[in-house]
Amino acid sequence: GDYPKLFEEEFLNRFTDVSADIRKEMCKFAKEMMINHTESAEAINERLIVRLNEELDHVVRIEAITCVCDVLQKNPKLIQKECMKALLMRCRDKNAKVVLHIYPLLATVYQKLHEAGTIELNEINKIPDKIVRYYAEGAVAIRNWIENVIDNNLLPQTDGEARAWALVDIWKNLSGFSRSTFTQKLLKYKK
């Protein structure tokens, strides 16, 4: 009887707590809540979107990113399209710690969902494009780091044939600009 009231009034309100530590802990707890109580996913998605878009504390944004990426790997259907869009917007975060955190996580999400054949959200297919665009815009140190992200997180850690097919699938989903960058810079550089 009191569960819906407690959930709405007590639990969900903690996402907007005055304390950044509480908001961070709520983002940590949200993963298990969404996975174990799927009926709560919609309301938690709404709170995570706010944490991804409006959160001033980068540590809380990092925790929200981690939560969404973890849930995507367990059950991508629990993450709404708007939450996925908010997640991808963090690729342009002004805080370097957030950027360094998000790209390997996104690459791992894409690789695991691709490997499992469960890529259903169109937004997930945008992950390789975001990574390649960041590579194209980055300085040498960023490019080296992104190459490692692609090699260690985006591509499967199996035999060469599986990695080659993964590259073909990635290339098919890239925008024109990213295809050009991928072909001209990343593939030629690796020869």
C-alpha atoms as a PDB file:
ATOM      1  CA  GLY A   1       0.000   0.000   0.000  1.00  0.00           C
ATOM      2  CA  ASP A   2       2.635   2.582   0.984  1.00  0.00           C
ATOM      3  CA  TYR A   3       5.270   1.493  -1.544  1.00  0.00           C
ATOM      4  CA  PRO A   4       4.209   3.819  -4.411  1.00  0.00           C
ATOM      5  CA  LYS A   5       3.997   6.764  -2.014  1.00  0.00           C
ATOM      6  CA  LEU A   6       7.393   5.996  -0.457  1.00  0.00           C
ATOM      7  CA  PHE A   7       8.933   5.511  -3.887  1.00  0.00           C
ATOM      8  CA  GLU A   8       7.597   8.771  -5.278  1.00  0.00           C
ATOM      9  CA  GLU A   9       7.952  10.993  -2.237  1.00  0.00           C
ATOM     10  CA  GLU A  10      11.043   9.672  -0.530  1.00  0.00           C
ATOM     11  CA  PHE A  11      13.198   7.778  -2.994  1.00  0.00           C
ATOM     12  CA  LEU A  12      12.783   9.884  -6.141  1.00  0.00           C
ATOM     13  CA  ASN A  13      13.094  13.181  -4.267  1.00  0.00           C
ATOM     14  CA  ARG A  14      16.580  12.194  -3.124  1.00  0.00           C
ATOM     15  CA  PHE A  15      17.805  12.620  -6.728  1.00  0.00           C
ATOM     16  CA  THR A  16      17.443  16.372  -6.188  1.00  0.00           C
ATOM     17  CA  ASP A  17      18.888  16.435  -2.675  1.00  0.00           C
ATOM     18  CA  VAL A  18      20.928  19.493  -1.751  1.00  0.00           C
ATOM     19  CA  SER A  19      23.933  17.230  -1.052  1.00  0.00           C
ATOM     20  CA  ALA A  20      25.963  16.119  -4.061  1.00  0.00           C
ATOM     21  CA  ASP A  21      27.011  13.009  -2.120  1.00  0.00           C
ATOM     22  CA  ILE A  22      23.357  11.959  -1.769  1.00  0.00           C
ATOM     23  CA  ARG A  23      22.673  12.619  -5.480  1.00  0.00           C
ATOM     24  CA  LYS A  24      25.755  10.551  -6.342  1.00  0.00           C
ATOM     25  CA  GLU A  25      24.583   7.662  -4.138  1.00  0.00           C
ATOM     26  CA  MET A  26      21.136   7.840  -5.735  1.00  0.00           C
ATOM     27  CA  CYS A  27      22.699   7.417  -9.166  1.00  0.00           C
ATOM     28  CA  LYS A  28      24.622   4.393  -7.866  1.00  0.00           C
ATOM     29  CA  PHE A  29      21.485   2.882  -6.362  1.00  0.00           C
ATOM     30  CA  ALA A  30      19.381   3.618  -9.457  1.00  0.00           C
ATOM     31  CA  LYS A  31      21.051   0.838 -11.448  1.00  0.00           C
ATOM     32  CA  GLU A  32      19.932  -1.928  -9.103  1.00  0.00           C
ATOM     33  CA  MET A  33      16.532  -0.324  -8.647  1.00  0.00           C
ATOM     34  CA  MET A  34      15.895  -0.233 -12.401  1.00  0.00           C
ATOM     35  CA  ILE A  35      17.123  -3.765 -13.011  1.00  0.00           C
ATOM     36  CA  ASN A  36      15.331  -5.350 -10.051  1.00  0.00           C
ATOM     37  CA  HIS A  37      12.160  -3.231 -10.222  1.00  0.00           C
ATOM     38  CA  THR A  38      11.627  -2.583 -13.923  1.00  0.00           C
ATOM     39  CA  GLU A  39       8.336  -0.797 -13.211  1.00  0.00           C
ATOM     40  CA  SER A  40      10.426   2.025 -11.713  1.00  0.00           C
ATOM     41  CA  ALA A  41      12.538   2.506 -14.857  1.00  0.00           C
ATOM     42  CA  GLU A  42      10.483   5.323 -16.367  1.00  0.00           C
ATOM     43  CA  ALA A  43      10.571   7.486 -13.246  1.00  0.00           C
ATOM     44  CA  ILE A  44      14.274   6.820 -12.690  1.00  0.00           C
ATOM     45  CA  ASN A  45      15.057   7.619 -16.352  1.00  0.00           C
ATOM     46  CA  GLU A  46      13.497  11.038 -15.804  1.00  0.00           C
ATOM     47  CA  ARG A  47      15.717  11.654 -12.760  1.00  0.00           C
ATOM     48  CA  LEU A  48      18.839  10.443 -14.550  1.00  0.00           C
ATOM     49  CA  ILE A  49      18.137  12.772 -17.486  1.00  0.00           C
ATOM     50  CA  VAL A  50      18.127  15.692 -15.040  1.00  0.00           C
ATOM     51  CA  ARG A  51      21.377  14.501 -13.456  1.00  0.00           C
ATOM     52  CA  LEU A  52      22.985  14.124 -16.895  1.00  0.00           C
ATOM     53  CA  ASN A  53      21.759  17.486 -18.228  1.00  0.00           C
ATOM     54  CA  GLU A  54      21.630  19.819 -15.239  1.00  0.00           C
ATOM     55  CA  GLU A  55      24.031  18.469 -12.634  1.00  0.00           C
ATOM     56  CA  LEU A  56      26.738  20.956 -11.658  1.00  0.00           C
ATOM     57  CA  ASP A  57      28.917  18.434  -9.804  1.00  0.00           C
ATOM     58  CA  HIS A  58      31.005  16.403 -12.263  1.00  0.00           C
ATOM     59  CA  VAL A  59      31.272  13.474  -9.829  1.00  0.00           C
ATOM     60  CA  VAL A  60      27.476  13.104  -9.883  1.00  0.00           C
ATOM     61  CA  ARG A  61      27.440  13.325 -13.697  1.00  0.00           C
ATOM     62  CA  ILE A  62      30.071  10.568 -13.817  1.00  0.00           C
ATOM     63  CA  GLU A  63      27.933   8.388 -11.542  1.00  0.00           C
ATOM     64  CA  ALA A  64      24.838   9.026 -13.692  1.00  0.00           C
ATOM     65  CA  ILE A  65      26.855   8.064 -16.801  1.00  0.00           C
ATOM     66  CA  THR A  66      28.050   4.884 -15.113  1.00  0.00           C
ATOM     67  CA  CYS A  67      24.514   3.999 -14.057  1.00  0.00           C
ATOM     68  CA  VAL A  68      23.039   4.422 -17.541  1.00  0.00           C
ATOM     69  CA  CYS A  69      25.898   2.488 -19.167  1.00  0.00           C
ATOM     70  CA  ASP A  70      25.604  -0.356 -16.655  1.00  0.00           C
ATOM     71  CA  VAL A  71      21.851  -0.609 -17.189  1.00  0.00           C
ATOM     72  CA  LEU A  72      22.325  -0.529 -20.973  1.00  0.00           C
ATOM     73  CA  GLN A  73      24.608  -3.548 -20.719  1.00  0.00           C
ATOM     74  CA  LYS A  74      22.150  -5.486 -18.531  1.00  0.00           C
ATOM     75  CA  ASN A  75      18.857  -4.513 -20.179  1.00  0.00           C
ATOM     76  CA  PRO A  76      18.966  -1.797 -22.862  1.00  0.00           C
ATOM     77  CA  LYS A  77      15.163  -1.664 -23.033  1.00  0.00           C
ATOM     78  CA  LEU A  78      15.123   0.005 -19.590  1.00  0.00           C
ATOM     79  CA  ILE A  79      16.865   3.128 -20.903  1.00  0.00           C
ATOM     80  CA  GLN A  80      14.578   5.535 -22.724  1.00  0.00           C
ATOM     81  CA  LYS A  81      15.603   7.332 -25.902  1.00  0.00           C
ATOM     82  CA  GLU A  82      15.701  10.733 -24.140  1.00  0.00           C
ATOM     83  CA  CYS A  83      18.010   9.344 -21.455  1.00  0.00           C
ATOM     84  CA  MET A  84      20.282   7.914 -24.139  1.00  0.00           C
ATOM     85  CA  LYS A  85      20.387  11.308 -25.882  1.00  0.00           C
ATOM     86  CA  ALA A  86      21.304  12.992 -22.583  1.00  0.00           C
ATOM     87  CA  LEU A  87      24.040  10.396 -22.088  1.00  0.00           C
ATOM     88  CA  LEU A  88      25.513  11.051 -25.534  1.00  0.00           C
ATOM     89  CA  MET A  89      25.486  14.798 -24.849  1.00  0.00           C
ATOM     90  CA  ARG A  90      28.009  14.186 -22.066  1.00  0.00           C
ATOM     91  CA  CYS A  91      30.549  13.330 -24.789  1.00  0.00           C
ATOM     92  CA  ARG A  92      30.890  17.115 -25.054  1.00  0.00           C
ATOM     93  CA  ASP A  93      31.168  17.723 -21.324  1.00  0.00           C
ATOM     94  CA  LYS A  94      33.452  20.599 -20.353  1.00  0.00           C
ATOM     95  CA  ASN A  95      35.017  18.565 -17.561  1.00  0.00           C
ATOM     96  CA  ALA A  96      37.911  16.401 -18.789  1.00  0.00           C
ATOM     97  CA  LYS A  97      37.275  13.757 -16.102  1.00  0.00           C
ATOM     98  CA  VAL A  98      33.762  13.233 -17.446  1.00  0.00           C
ATOM     99  CA  VAL A  99      35.040  12.929 -21.013  1.00  0.00           C
ATOM    100  CA  LEU A 100      37.782  10.494 -20.001  1.00  0.00           C
ATOM    101  CA  HIS A 101      35.146   8.437 -18.194  1.00  0.00           C
ATOM    102  CA  ILE A 102      32.420   8.337 -20.831  1.00  0.00           C
ATOM    103  CA  TYR A 103      34.210   7.251 -24.009  1.00  0.00           C
ATOM    104  CA  PRO A 104      35.558   3.889 -22.764  1.00  0.00           C
ATOM    105  CA  LEU A 105      32.191   3.136 -21.121  1.00  0.00           C
ATOM    106  CA  LEU A 106      30.238   3.953 -24.279  1.00  0.00           C
ATOM    107  CA  ALA A 107      32.627   1.887 -26.394  1.00  0.00           C
ATOM    108  CA  THR A 108      32.213  -1.077 -24.041  1.00  0.00           C
ATOM    109  CA  VAL A 109      28.408  -0.729 -24.098  1.00  0.00           C
ATOM    110  CA  TYR A 110      28.408  -0.714 -27.898  1.00  0.00           C
ATOM    111  CA  GLN A 111      30.790  -3.659 -28.164  1.00  0.00           C
ATOM    112  CA  LYS A 112      28.883  -5.823 -25.666  1.00  0.00           C
ATOM    113  CA  LEU A 113      25.476  -5.076 -27.184  1.00  0.00           C
ATOM    114  CA  HIS A 114      26.825  -5.589 -30.705  1.00  0.00           C
ATOM    115  CA  GLU A 115      28.402  -8.887 -29.699  1.00  0.00           C
ATOM    116  CA  ALA A 116      25.128 -10.035 -28.096  1.00  0.00           C
ATOM    117  CA  GLY A 117      23.131  -8.878 -31.129  1.00  0.00           C
ATOM    118  CA  THR A 118      20.904  -6.696 -28.950  1.00  0.00           C
ATOM    119  CA  ILE A 119      21.442  -3.269 -30.463  1.00  0.00           C
ATOM    120  CA  GLU A 120      17.905  -1.978 -30.769  1.00  0.00           C
ATOM    121  CA  LEU A 121      18.135   1.696 -29.829  1.00  0.00           C
ATOM    122  CA  ASN A 122      19.146   3.773 -32.816  1.00  0.00           C
ATOM    123  CA  GLU A 123      21.030   5.999 -30.366  1.00  0.00           C
ATOM    124  CA  ILE A 124      23.400   3.128 -29.517  1.00  0.00           C
ATOM    125  CA  ASN A 125      24.448   2.932 -33.170  1.00  0.00           C
ATOM    126  CA  LYS A 126      25.628   6.549 -32.822  1.00  0.00           C
ATOM    127  CA  ILE A 127      28.322   5.615 -30.286  1.00  0.00           C
ATOM    128  CA  PRO A 128      31.086   4.739 -32.803  1.00  0.00           C
ATOM    129  CA  ASP A 129      30.325   7.955 -34.703  1.00  0.00           C
ATOM    130  CA  LYS A 130      30.762  10.009 -31.502  1.00  0.00           C
ATOM    131  CA  ILE A 131      34.076   8.272 -30.818  1.00  0.00           C
ATOM    132  CA  VAL A 132      35.436   8.795 -34.345  1.00  0.00           C
ATOM    133  CA  ARG A 133      34.348  12.456 -34.354  1.00  0.00           C
ATOM    134  CA  TYR A 134      36.158  13.031 -31.059  1.00  0.00           C
ATOM    135  CA  TYR A 135      39.218  11.400 -32.606  1.00  0.00           C
ATOM    136  CA  ALA A 136      39.030  13.713 -35.648  1.00  0.00           C
ATOM    137  CA  GLU A 137      38.789  16.822 -33.482  1.00  0.00           C
ATOM    138  CA  GLY A 138      41.434  15.842 -30.950  1.00  0.00           C
ATOM    139  CA  ALA A 139      45.089  16.632 -30.507  1.00  0.00           C
ATOM    140  CA  VAL A 140      47.700  13.880 -30.906  1.00  0.00           C
ATOM    141  CA  ALA A 141      47.419  12.768 -27.262  1.00  0.00           C
ATOM    142  CA  ILE A 142      43.625  12.519 -27.594  1.00  0.00           C
ATOM    143  CA  ARG A 143      43.958  10.570 -30.834  1.00  0.00           C
ATOM    144  CA  ASN A 144      46.317   8.066 -29.221  1.00  0.00           C
ATOM    145  CA  TRP A 145      43.920   7.655 -26.312  1.00  0.00           C
ATOM    146  CA  ILE A 146      40.897   7.218 -28.626  1.00  0.00           C
ATOM    147  CA  GLU A 147      42.813   4.613 -30.662  1.00  0.00           C
ATOM    148  CA  ASN A 148      43.270   2.669 -27.423  1.00  0.00           C
ATOM    149  CA  VAL A 149      39.564   3.062 -26.604  1.00  0.00           C
ATOM    150  CA  ILE A 150      38.668   1.707 -30.047  1.00  0.00           C
ATOM    151  CA  ASP A 151      41.140  -1.157 -29.787  1.00  0.00           C
ATOM    152  CA  ASN A 152      40.431  -2.147 -26.178  1.00  0.00           C
ATOM    153  CA  ASN A 153      36.770  -1.212 -25.667  1.00  0.00           C
ATOM    154  CA  LEU A 154      34.930  -0.787 -28.977  1.00  0.00           C
ATOM    155  CA  LEU A 155      36.272  -3.866 -30.773  1.00  0.00           C
ATOM    156  CA  PRO A 156      35.772  -7.397 -29.479  1.00  0.00           C
ATOM    157  CA  GLN A 157      38.782  -8.902 -27.766  1.00  0.00           C
ATOM    158  CA  THR A 158      38.734 -12.033 -29.922  1.00  0.00           C
ATOM    159  CA  ASP A 159      40.309 -13.228 -33.152  1.00  0.00           C
ATOM    160  CA  GLY A 160      41.167 -10.974 -36.064  1.00  0.00           C
ATOM    161  CA  GLU A 161      38.201 -12.060 -38.169  1.00  0.00           C
ATOM    162  CA  ALA A 162      35.659 -11.060 -35.503  1.00  0.00           C
ATOM    163  CA  ARG A 163      37.428  -7.719 -35.077  1.00  0.00           C
ATOM    164  CA  ALA A 164      37.398  -7.158 -38.854  1.00  0.00           C
ATOM    165  CA  TRP A 165      33.649  -7.844 -39.064  1.00  0.00           C
ATOM    166  CA  ALA A 166      33.063  -5.523 -36.123  1.00  0.00           C
ATOM    167  CA  LEU A 167      34.972  -2.791 -37.993  1.00  0.00           C
ATOM    168  CA  VAL A 168      32.758  -3.340 -41.055  1.00  0.00           C
ATOM    169  CA  ASP A 169      29.611  -3.041 -38.926  1.00  0.00           C
ATOM    170  CA  ILE A 170      30.940   0.105 -37.271  1.00  0.00           C
ATOM    171  CA  TRP A 171      31.851   1.633 -40.634  1.00  0.00           C
ATOM    172  CA  LYS A 172      28.333   0.997 -41.993  1.00  0.00           C
ATOM    173  CA  ASN A 173      26.801   3.114 -39.198  1.00  0.00           C
ATOM    174  CA  LEU A 174      29.178   6.072 -39.426  1.00  0.00           C
ATOM    175  CA  SER A 175      28.170   9.440 -40.867  1.00  0.00           C
ATOM    176  CA  GLY A 176      29.947  10.652 -44.013  1.00  0.00           C
ATOM    177  CA  PHE A 177      32.422  12.786 -42.064  1.00  0.00           C
ATOM    178  CA  SER A 178      33.226   9.967 -39.649  1.00  0.00           C
ATOM    179  CA  ARG A 179      33.554   7.420 -42.477  1.00  0.00           C
ATOM    180  CA  SER A 180      36.071   9.665 -44.155  1.00  0.00           C
ATOM    181  CA  THR A 181      38.021  10.155 -40.922  1.00  0.00           C
ATOM    182  CA  PHE A 182      37.837   6.442 -40.133  1.00  0.00           C
ATOM    183  CA  THR A 183      39.070   5.430 -43.594  1.00  0.00           C
ATOM    184  CA  GLN A 184      41.667   8.152 -44.148  1.00  0.00           C
ATOM    185  CA  LYS A 185      43.154   8.542 -40.687  1.00  0.00           C
ATOM    186  CA  LEU A 186      42.429   5.555 -38.482  1.00  0.00           C
ATOM    187  CA  LEU A 187      42.777   2.720 -41.006  1.00  0.00           C
ATOM    188  CA  LYS A 188      45.709   4.229 -42.936  1.00  0.00           C
ATOM    189  CA  TYR A 189      47.512   5.097 -39.699  1.00  0.00           C
ATOM    190  CA  LYS A 190      47.328   1.475 -38.556  1.00  0.00           C
ATOM    191  CA  LYS A 191      49.063   0.054 -41.687  1.00  0.00           C
END
